[in-house]
Amino acid sequence: MPNEPAEGPGRTRPRCRVILPVDGPLLIEGPIEVVLQDGSTVSSDRFCVALCMCHRSRSYPWCDASHRRRTRG
């Protein structure tokens, strides 16, 4: 998604940066708004947000490091 016009003439939105690690959460430089499967939204104003990719987090969609307890077979 390239820079798009934001509120006000000549203003642009900052680009969003997404970091895809090999193991662990999806890291997104925020602030962000997340649309969940049921259509509800959650948001964060933090400078970097970790989104759970394994669905083990008790605070889903935010990562709580539950993926570290996963055992590999």
N, C-alpha and C. Protein backbone atom coordinates (compact mmCIF):
# COMPACT_ATOMS: atom_id res chain seq x y z
N MET A 1 0.85 -1.16 0.00
CA MET A 1 0.00 0.00 0.00
C MET A 1 0.90 1.23 0.00
N PRO A 2 0.98 1.95 -1.07
CA PRO A 2 1.83 3.14 -1.12
C PRO A 2 1.25 4.26 -0.27
N ASN A 3 2.02 5.31 -0.08
CA ASN A 3 1.52 6.46 0.67
C ASN A 3 0.24 6.96 0.02
N GLU A 4 -0.76 7.23 0.83
CA GLU A 4 -2.04 7.71 0.34
C GLU A 4 -2.32 9.05 0.97
N PRO A 5 -3.13 9.87 0.33
CA PRO A 5 -3.50 11.14 0.95
C PRO A 5 -4.18 10.90 2.28
N ALA A 6 -3.79 11.65 3.29
CA ALA A 6 -4.42 11.58 4.60
C ALA A 6 -5.22 12.86 4.79
N GLU A 7 -5.62 13.12 6.02
CA GLU A 7 -6.39 14.33 6.26
C GLU A 7 -5.53 15.56 6.01
N GLY A 8 -6.09 16.51 5.32
CA GLY A 8 -5.39 17.76 5.04
C GLY A 8 -4.69 17.73 3.69
N PRO A 9 -4.57 18.88 3.06
CA PRO A 9 -3.94 18.94 1.74
C PRO A 9 -2.45 18.67 1.80
N GLY A 10 -1.97 17.85 0.88
CA GLY A 10 -0.53 17.60 0.77
C GLY A 10 0.04 16.68 1.84
N ARG A 11 -0.79 16.13 2.71
CA ARG A 11 -0.29 15.24 3.77
C ARG A 11 -0.38 13.80 3.32
N THR A 12 0.55 12.97 3.77
CA THR A 12 0.51 11.55 3.44
C THR A 12 0.59 10.73 4.72
N ARG A 13 0.06 9.53 4.67
CA ARG A 13 0.14 8.60 5.81
C ARG A 13 1.52 7.97 5.82
N PRO A 14 2.05 7.69 6.99
CA PRO A 14 3.33 6.98 7.04
C PRO A 14 3.15 5.55 6.54
N ARG A 15 4.20 4.99 6.01
CA ARG A 15 4.16 3.61 5.54
C ARG A 15 4.17 2.67 6.74
N CYS A 16 3.54 1.55 6.58
CA CYS A 16 3.51 0.51 7.61
C CYS A 16 4.61 -0.49 7.30
N ARG A 17 5.38 -0.88 8.31
CA ARG A 17 6.44 -1.86 8.12
C ARG A 17 6.05 -3.14 8.84
N VAL A 18 6.09 -4.28 8.12
CA VAL A 18 5.74 -5.58 8.67
C VAL A 18 6.98 -6.45 8.65
N ILE A 19 7.27 -7.11 9.78
CA ILE A 19 8.45 -7.97 9.90
C ILE A 19 7.98 -9.40 10.09
N LEU A 20 8.43 -10.30 9.20
CA LEU A 20 8.02 -11.71 9.23
C LEU A 20 9.16 -12.57 9.75
N PRO A 21 9.20 -12.85 11.06
CA PRO A 21 10.25 -13.72 11.59
C PRO A 21 10.00 -15.18 11.24
N VAL A 22 11.04 -16.00 11.32
CA VAL A 22 10.90 -17.42 11.03
C VAL A 22 9.98 -18.09 12.05
N ASP A 23 10.23 -17.87 13.32
CA ASP A 23 9.41 -18.41 14.41
C ASP A 23 8.94 -17.25 15.26
N GLY A 24 7.70 -17.31 15.70
CA GLY A 24 7.23 -16.28 16.59
C GLY A 24 6.19 -15.38 15.97
N PRO A 25 5.95 -14.24 16.59
CA PRO A 25 4.85 -13.38 16.17
C PRO A 25 5.19 -12.54 14.95
N LEU A 26 4.16 -12.04 14.33
CA LEU A 26 4.28 -11.09 13.24
C LEU A 26 4.49 -9.72 13.88
N LEU A 27 5.56 -9.02 13.52
CA LEU A 27 5.86 -7.72 14.09
C LEU A 27 5.45 -6.63 13.12
N ILE A 28 4.69 -5.66 13.62
CA ILE A 28 4.22 -4.55 12.79
C ILE A 28 4.55 -3.25 13.52
N GLU A 29 5.20 -2.35 12.80
CA GLU A 29 5.47 -1.04 13.38
C GLU A 29 4.17 -0.26 13.34
N GLY A 30 3.70 0.16 14.52
CA GLY A 30 2.37 0.74 14.68
C GLY A 30 2.35 2.24 14.57
N PRO A 31 1.27 2.84 14.92
CA PRO A 31 0.04 2.25 15.48
C PRO A 31 -0.74 1.49 14.42
N ILE A 32 -1.57 0.54 14.89
CA ILE A 32 -2.31 -0.30 13.95
C ILE A 32 -3.74 -0.52 14.42
N GLU A 33 -4.58 -0.95 13.49
CA GLU A 33 -5.92 -1.42 13.77
C GLU A 33 -6.03 -2.80 13.14
N VAL A 34 -6.51 -3.80 13.89
CA VAL A 34 -6.62 -5.17 13.41
C VAL A 34 -8.11 -5.53 13.29
N VAL A 35 -8.50 -6.04 12.14
CA VAL A 35 -9.86 -6.51 11.94
C VAL A 35 -9.84 -8.02 12.14
N LEU A 36 -10.60 -8.51 13.13
CA LEU A 36 -10.65 -9.93 13.45
C LEU A 36 -11.63 -10.67 12.54
N GLN A 37 -11.61 -12.01 12.62
CA GLN A 37 -12.44 -12.84 11.77
C GLN A 37 -13.93 -12.53 11.91
N ASP A 38 -14.36 -12.15 13.10
CA ASP A 38 -15.78 -11.86 13.33
C ASP A 38 -16.17 -10.44 12.93
N GLY A 39 -15.21 -9.67 12.39
CA GLY A 39 -15.49 -8.31 11.95
C GLY A 39 -15.23 -7.24 13.00
N SER A 40 -14.99 -7.65 14.24
CA SER A 40 -14.67 -6.67 15.28
C SER A 40 -13.24 -6.15 15.07
N THR A 41 -12.94 -5.01 15.65
CA THR A 41 -11.61 -4.43 15.50
C THR A 41 -10.97 -4.17 16.86
N VAL A 42 -9.66 -4.29 16.89
CA VAL A 42 -8.87 -3.92 18.06
C VAL A 42 -7.74 -3.03 17.55
N SER A 43 -7.26 -2.14 18.40
CA SER A 43 -6.21 -1.24 17.95
C SER A 43 -5.14 -1.08 19.01
N SER A 44 -3.97 -0.63 18.56
CA SER A 44 -2.85 -0.38 19.45
C SER A 44 -2.11 0.86 18.96
N ASP A 45 -1.71 1.70 19.90
CA ASP A 45 -0.95 2.91 19.58
C ASP A 45 0.54 2.71 19.83
N ARG A 46 0.96 1.49 20.14
CA ARG A 46 2.38 1.21 20.41
C ARG A 46 3.21 1.39 19.16
N PHE A 47 4.51 1.64 19.32
CA PHE A 47 5.39 1.84 18.18
C PHE A 47 5.71 0.54 17.45
N CYS A 48 5.61 -0.60 18.14
CA CYS A 48 5.79 -1.91 17.51
C CYS A 48 4.85 -2.89 18.19
N VAL A 49 4.11 -3.64 17.38
CA VAL A 49 3.11 -4.56 17.89
C VAL A 49 3.45 -5.98 17.45
N ALA A 50 3.28 -6.95 18.35
CA ALA A 50 3.50 -8.36 18.03
C ALA A 50 2.14 -9.04 17.93
N LEU A 51 1.81 -9.54 16.73
CA LEU A 51 0.55 -10.25 16.53
C LEU A 51 0.79 -11.74 16.57
N CYS A 52 -0.06 -12.45 17.33
CA CYS A 52 0.04 -13.89 17.48
C CYS A 52 -0.27 -14.60 16.17
N MET A 53 0.59 -15.53 15.76
CA MET A 53 0.37 -16.30 14.55
C MET A 53 0.01 -17.76 14.85
N CYS A 54 0.18 -18.19 16.12
CA CYS A 54 -0.06 -19.59 16.47
C CYS A 54 -1.42 -19.80 17.15
N HIS A 55 -2.14 -18.73 17.46
CA HIS A 55 -3.45 -18.77 18.13
C HIS A 55 -3.40 -19.37 19.53
N ARG A 56 -2.21 -19.39 20.16
CA ARG A 56 -2.10 -19.90 21.53
C ARG A 56 -2.18 -18.78 22.57
N SER A 57 -2.09 -17.55 22.15
CA SER A 57 -2.04 -16.42 23.06
C SER A 57 -3.34 -16.25 23.85
N ARG A 58 -3.23 -15.99 25.13
CA ARG A 58 -4.41 -15.71 25.95
C ARG A 58 -4.94 -14.31 25.69
N SER A 59 -4.11 -13.46 25.06
CA SER A 59 -4.53 -12.10 24.76
C SER A 59 -4.63 -11.89 23.24
N TYR A 60 -5.01 -12.96 22.50
CA TYR A 60 -5.12 -12.92 21.05
C TYR A 60 -5.96 -11.71 20.62
N PRO A 61 -5.57 -10.95 19.61
CA PRO A 61 -4.54 -11.21 18.62
C PRO A 61 -3.14 -10.77 19.03
N TRP A 62 -2.98 -10.21 20.22
CA TRP A 62 -1.66 -9.77 20.67
C TRP A 62 -0.85 -10.98 21.16
N CYS A 63 0.41 -11.03 20.85
CA CYS A 63 1.28 -12.14 21.25
C CYS A 63 1.64 -12.02 22.73
N ASP A 64 1.56 -13.14 23.45
CA ASP A 64 2.02 -13.18 24.85
C ASP A 64 3.16 -14.20 25.02
N ALA A 65 3.81 -14.57 23.92
CA ALA A 65 4.96 -15.50 23.89
C ALA A 65 4.56 -16.95 24.17
N SER A 66 3.29 -17.29 24.05
CA SER A 66 2.85 -18.68 24.24
C SER A 66 3.49 -19.61 23.23
N HIS A 67 3.90 -19.12 22.07
CA HIS A 67 4.52 -19.94 21.04
C HIS A 67 5.83 -20.56 21.52
N ARG A 68 6.44 -19.99 22.53
CA ARG A 68 7.71 -20.52 23.06
C ARG A 68 7.52 -21.85 23.76
N ARG A 69 6.31 -22.13 24.24
CA ARG A 69 6.04 -23.39 24.93
C ARG A 69 5.74 -24.54 23.96
N ARG A 70 5.68 -24.25 22.66
CA ARG A 70 5.38 -25.26 21.65
C ARG A 70 6.52 -26.27 21.57
N THR A 71 6.18 -27.54 21.54
CA THR A 71 7.20 -28.56 21.37
C THR A 71 7.19 -29.02 19.92
N ARG A 72 8.35 -29.35 19.42
CA ARG A 72 8.46 -29.81 18.04
C ARG A 72 8.64 -31.31 18.00
N GLY A 73 8.02 -31.92 17.02
CA GLY A 73 8.06 -33.36 16.93
C GLY A 73 9.04 -33.89 15.95
